[in-house]
Amino acid sequence: MTTTRRTQQDRRDQAEAALLTAAAELIVEQGVRALTLARIGERAGYSRGIVTHHFGGKQALIEQLARATQTGFVPGLNDLPAGLDRLLRLIDGYLGELGRTSVFNQAFLLLWAEAATQPELARIFRERDEAFRADLREDIEAGIADGTVDPAIGPEEVAVAIVGQLRGIALQRLLAPGCVDVEQLRRSITGHWRRALSPGMTRPPSP
């Protein structure tokens, strides 16, 4: 029987994946403050030193975890052109993924909530939230350009509102899963934003 030898990169990727998984599990089980390099290494089946070897330290590992958990959260969007359709698919897909919350998504939400009181996390999650808002702004601006989004819409304000809404629902789902009907929310919230962003909606005059 022929066996395939793993390359050094394969071993590195496997170790990093195991360490990130271990960190996410520990955050969910014990909280961010209980996270140490020794516990991460032990949970992953490695020594403490390998965490430093791969990431340089706890802060760098948390930064990588934050990026890994947010990247590709809603699959199938990368090949879609920017615009209203992609925006609505993102909202619908984000809510749909909440019904399948993994340990990585739980860890991201817990870290995001902790960032309000921990300066070392605040910078990471400001960057993550700004990247999220930038994607939303791109869709809104593309929708205005192609006529599917009302030109009176403020892209920045809508992006802030959508991020706040989705993150808030996610936290409620994490704290009280039985109180959040994800499938019902998918229909109502996606429909709300479709109506709110469409041209021709009656809006109050500006003060």
Protein backbone atom coordinates (compact mmCIF):
# COMPACT_ATOMS: atom_id res chain seq x y z
CA MET A 1 0.00 0.00 0.00
CA THR A 2 1.33 3.42 -0.96
CA THR A 3 1.27 6.10 1.70
CA THR A 4 1.64 9.81 1.06
CA ARG A 5 4.22 11.55 3.19
CA ARG A 6 3.01 14.74 4.73
CA THR A 7 5.03 17.79 3.85
CA GLN A 8 6.35 20.23 6.42
CA GLN A 9 3.61 22.67 5.36
CA ASP A 10 0.95 19.97 5.90
CA ARG A 11 2.23 19.40 9.43
CA ARG A 12 2.34 23.13 10.10
CA ASP A 13 -1.21 23.63 8.83
CA GLN A 14 -2.46 20.71 10.94
CA ALA A 15 -0.78 22.04 14.07
CA GLU A 16 -2.13 25.58 13.55
CA ALA A 17 -5.65 24.27 12.94
CA ALA A 18 -5.47 22.17 16.11
CA LEU A 19 -4.22 25.12 18.15
CA LEU A 20 -6.94 27.45 16.86
CA THR A 21 -9.60 24.83 17.58
CA ALA A 22 -8.24 24.32 21.09
CA ALA A 23 -8.22 28.08 21.74
CA ALA A 24 -11.82 28.43 20.50
CA GLU A 25 -12.99 25.55 22.70
CA LEU A 26 -11.28 26.98 25.78
CA ILE A 27 -12.76 30.44 25.19
CA VAL A 28 -16.26 28.97 24.95
CA GLU A 29 -15.79 26.73 28.00
CA GLN A 30 -13.78 28.97 30.33
CA GLY A 31 -13.75 32.51 28.94
CA VAL A 32 -11.05 34.69 27.43
CA ARG A 33 -9.33 35.51 30.71
CA ALA A 34 -8.67 31.83 31.41
CA LEU A 35 -6.92 31.35 28.07
CA THR A 36 -3.20 30.57 28.44
CA LEU A 37 -0.55 29.21 26.09
CA ALA A 38 -0.11 26.16 28.32
CA ARG A 39 -3.81 25.30 28.24
CA ILE A 40 -4.01 25.80 24.49
CA GLY A 41 -1.03 23.52 23.89
CA GLU A 42 -2.30 20.87 26.28
CA ARG A 43 -5.81 20.85 24.74
CA ALA A 44 -4.35 20.56 21.23
CA GLY A 45 -1.96 17.78 22.24
CA TYR A 46 1.20 19.86 21.88
CA SER A 47 3.63 21.63 24.17
CA ARG A 48 3.23 25.22 25.24
CA GLY A 49 6.25 26.14 23.16
CA ILE A 50 4.61 25.18 19.88
CA VAL A 51 1.98 27.93 20.32
CA THR A 52 4.77 30.50 20.51
CA HIS A 53 6.56 28.84 17.60
CA HIS A 54 3.53 29.07 15.31
CA PHE A 55 1.94 32.33 16.43
CA GLY A 56 4.51 34.21 18.49
CA GLY A 57 2.18 34.54 21.47
CA LYS A 58 -1.38 34.59 22.76
CA GLN A 59 -2.27 37.96 21.22
CA ALA A 60 -1.21 36.89 17.73
CA LEU A 61 -3.14 33.64 18.08
CA ILE A 62 -6.30 35.51 19.06
CA GLU A 63 -5.86 37.82 16.06
CA GLN A 64 -5.59 34.82 13.76
CA LEU A 65 -8.62 33.22 15.42
CA ALA A 66 -10.67 36.39 14.88
CA ARG A 67 -9.75 36.49 11.20
CA ALA A 68 -10.32 32.77 10.67
CA THR A 69 -13.74 32.76 12.31
CA GLN A 70 -15.06 35.70 10.29
CA THR A 71 -13.58 34.86 6.90
CA GLY A 72 -16.03 32.89 4.81
CA PHE A 73 -18.72 32.89 7.51
CA VAL A 74 -21.35 33.07 4.75
CA PRO A 75 -20.21 30.76 1.93
CA GLY A 76 -20.86 31.38 -1.75
CA LEU A 77 -20.55 35.18 -1.80
CA ASN A 78 -17.06 35.61 -3.24
CA ASP A 79 -18.14 35.01 -6.82
CA LEU A 80 -21.14 37.36 -6.68
CA PRO A 81 -20.89 40.92 -7.98
CA ALA A 82 -21.31 43.70 -5.44
CA GLY A 83 -24.84 45.03 -5.13
CA LEU A 84 -28.19 44.66 -3.41
CA ASP A 85 -28.53 40.97 -4.22
CA ARG A 86 -25.21 40.13 -2.58
CA LEU A 87 -26.09 42.27 0.43
CA LEU A 88 -29.42 40.48 0.96
CA ARG A 89 -27.78 37.10 0.46
CA LEU A 90 -25.22 38.02 3.10
CA ILE A 91 -27.91 38.99 5.61
CA ASP A 92 -29.94 35.86 4.89
CA GLY A 93 -26.87 33.63 4.96
CA TYR A 94 -25.51 35.17 8.17
CA LEU A 95 -28.78 34.51 9.97
CA GLY A 96 -28.93 31.02 8.50
CA GLU A 97 -25.45 30.22 9.78
CA LEU A 98 -26.52 31.19 13.30
CA GLY A 99 -28.66 28.06 13.33
CA ARG A 100 -25.47 26.05 12.88
CA THR A 101 -23.27 27.93 15.33
CA SER A 102 -19.88 26.23 15.64
CA VAL A 103 -17.36 26.56 18.43
CA PHE A 104 -15.42 29.03 16.24
CA ASN A 105 -18.44 31.29 15.79
CA GLN A 106 -19.23 31.14 19.50
CA ALA A 107 -15.64 32.06 20.31
CA PHE A 108 -15.74 34.99 17.88
CA LEU A 109 -18.87 36.40 19.48
CA LEU A 110 -17.47 36.02 22.99
CA LEU A 111 -14.22 37.73 21.95
CA TRP A 112 -16.19 40.48 20.21
CA ALA A 113 -18.20 41.15 23.38
CA GLU A 114 -15.04 41.14 25.52
CA ALA A 115 -13.40 43.67 23.20
CA ALA A 116 -15.51 46.45 24.72
CA THR A 117 -13.58 46.15 27.99
CA GLN A 118 -10.23 44.71 26.92
CA PRO A 119 -7.95 47.13 25.03
CA GLU A 120 -5.82 44.31 23.61
CA LEU A 121 -8.89 42.89 21.89
CA ALA A 122 -10.46 46.22 20.92
CA ARG A 123 -8.01 46.93 18.08
CA ILE A 124 -8.52 43.50 16.53
CA PHE A 125 -12.29 43.74 16.53
CA ARG A 126 -12.39 47.34 15.37
CA GLU A 127 -10.50 46.11 12.32
CA ARG A 128 -12.83 43.13 11.87
CA ASP A 129 -15.96 45.28 12.17
CA GLU A 130 -14.57 47.88 9.78
CA ALA A 131 -13.85 45.15 7.22
CA PHE A 132 -17.44 43.93 7.61
CA ARG A 133 -18.84 47.45 7.19
CA ALA A 134 -16.60 48.04 4.17
CA ASP A 135 -18.09 44.99 2.42
CA LEU A 136 -21.60 46.23 3.16
CA ARG A 137 -20.79 49.75 1.96
CA GLU A 138 -19.46 48.33 -1.27
CA ASP A 139 -22.74 46.50 -1.87
CA ILE A 140 -24.85 49.55 -1.03
CA GLU A 141 -22.79 51.86 -3.25
CA ALA A 142 -22.96 49.35 -6.11
CA GLY A 143 -26.74 49.14 -5.64
CA ILE A 144 -27.05 52.93 -5.79
CA ALA A 145 -24.95 52.94 -8.96
CA ASP A 146 -27.09 50.31 -10.72
CA GLY A 147 -30.40 51.76 -9.53
CA THR A 148 -31.48 48.95 -7.17
CA VAL A 149 -30.81 50.98 -3.99
CA ASP A 150 -32.35 54.34 -3.20
CA PRO A 151 -29.73 57.09 -3.80
CA ALA A 152 -30.91 58.86 -0.64
CA ILE A 153 -29.53 55.97 1.42
CA GLY A 154 -26.39 56.65 3.45
CA PRO A 155 -24.06 53.66 2.92
CA GLU A 156 -22.11 54.16 6.14
CA GLU A 157 -25.21 54.51 8.34
CA VAL A 158 -26.85 51.43 6.82
CA ALA A 159 -23.65 49.40 7.18
CA VAL A 160 -23.43 50.31 10.88
CA ALA A 161 -27.10 49.39 11.39
CA ILE A 162 -26.78 46.02 9.67
CA VAL A 163 -23.63 45.01 11.56
CA GLY A 164 -25.25 46.03 14.85
CA GLN A 165 -28.41 44.10 14.06
CA LEU A 166 -26.66 40.91 12.97
CA ARG A 167 -24.13 40.90 15.80
CA GLY A 168 -26.89 41.64 18.34
CA ILE A 169 -29.04 38.77 17.10
CA ALA A 170 -26.00 36.48 17.17
CA LEU A 171 -25.30 37.33 20.81
CA GLN A 172 -28.93 36.74 21.75
CA ARG A 173 -28.80 33.39 19.95
CA LEU A 174 -25.64 32.49 21.86
CA LEU A 175 -27.12 33.40 25.25
CA ALA A 176 -30.65 32.06 24.74
CA PRO A 177 -30.90 29.79 21.67
CA GLY A 178 -34.53 28.91 22.29
CA CYS A 179 -35.63 32.55 22.18
CA VAL A 180 -34.33 33.24 18.66
CA ASP A 181 -36.23 31.75 15.72
CA VAL A 182 -33.55 31.97 13.07
CA GLU A 183 -35.71 30.85 10.15
CA GLN A 184 -38.44 33.38 10.93
CA LEU A 185 -35.83 36.12 11.28
CA ARG A 186 -34.33 35.22 7.91
CA ARG A 187 -37.61 35.96 6.21
CA SER A 188 -38.57 39.08 8.13
CA ILE A 189 -35.19 40.82 8.32
CA THR A 190 -34.14 40.14 4.74
CA GLY A 191 -37.53 41.39 3.59
CA HIS A 192 -37.20 44.48 5.77
CA TRP A 193 -33.87 45.48 4.23
CA ARG A 194 -35.09 44.77 0.71
CA ARG A 195 -37.99 47.19 1.27
CA ALA A 196 -35.95 49.76 3.19
CA LEU A 197 -33.25 50.01 0.56
CA SER A 198 -35.39 49.89 -2.57
CA PRO A 199 -35.89 53.10 -4.58
CA GLY A 200 -39.21 54.88 -4.33
CA MET A 201 -39.91 54.17 -0.66
CA THR A 202 -41.67 57.05 1.11
CA ARG A 203 -39.23 58.65 3.50
CA PRO A 204 -39.69 61.49 5.99
CA PRO A 205 -38.25 64.85 4.92
CA SER A 206 -34.81 65.74 6.21
CA PRO A 207 -34.87 68.15 9.17
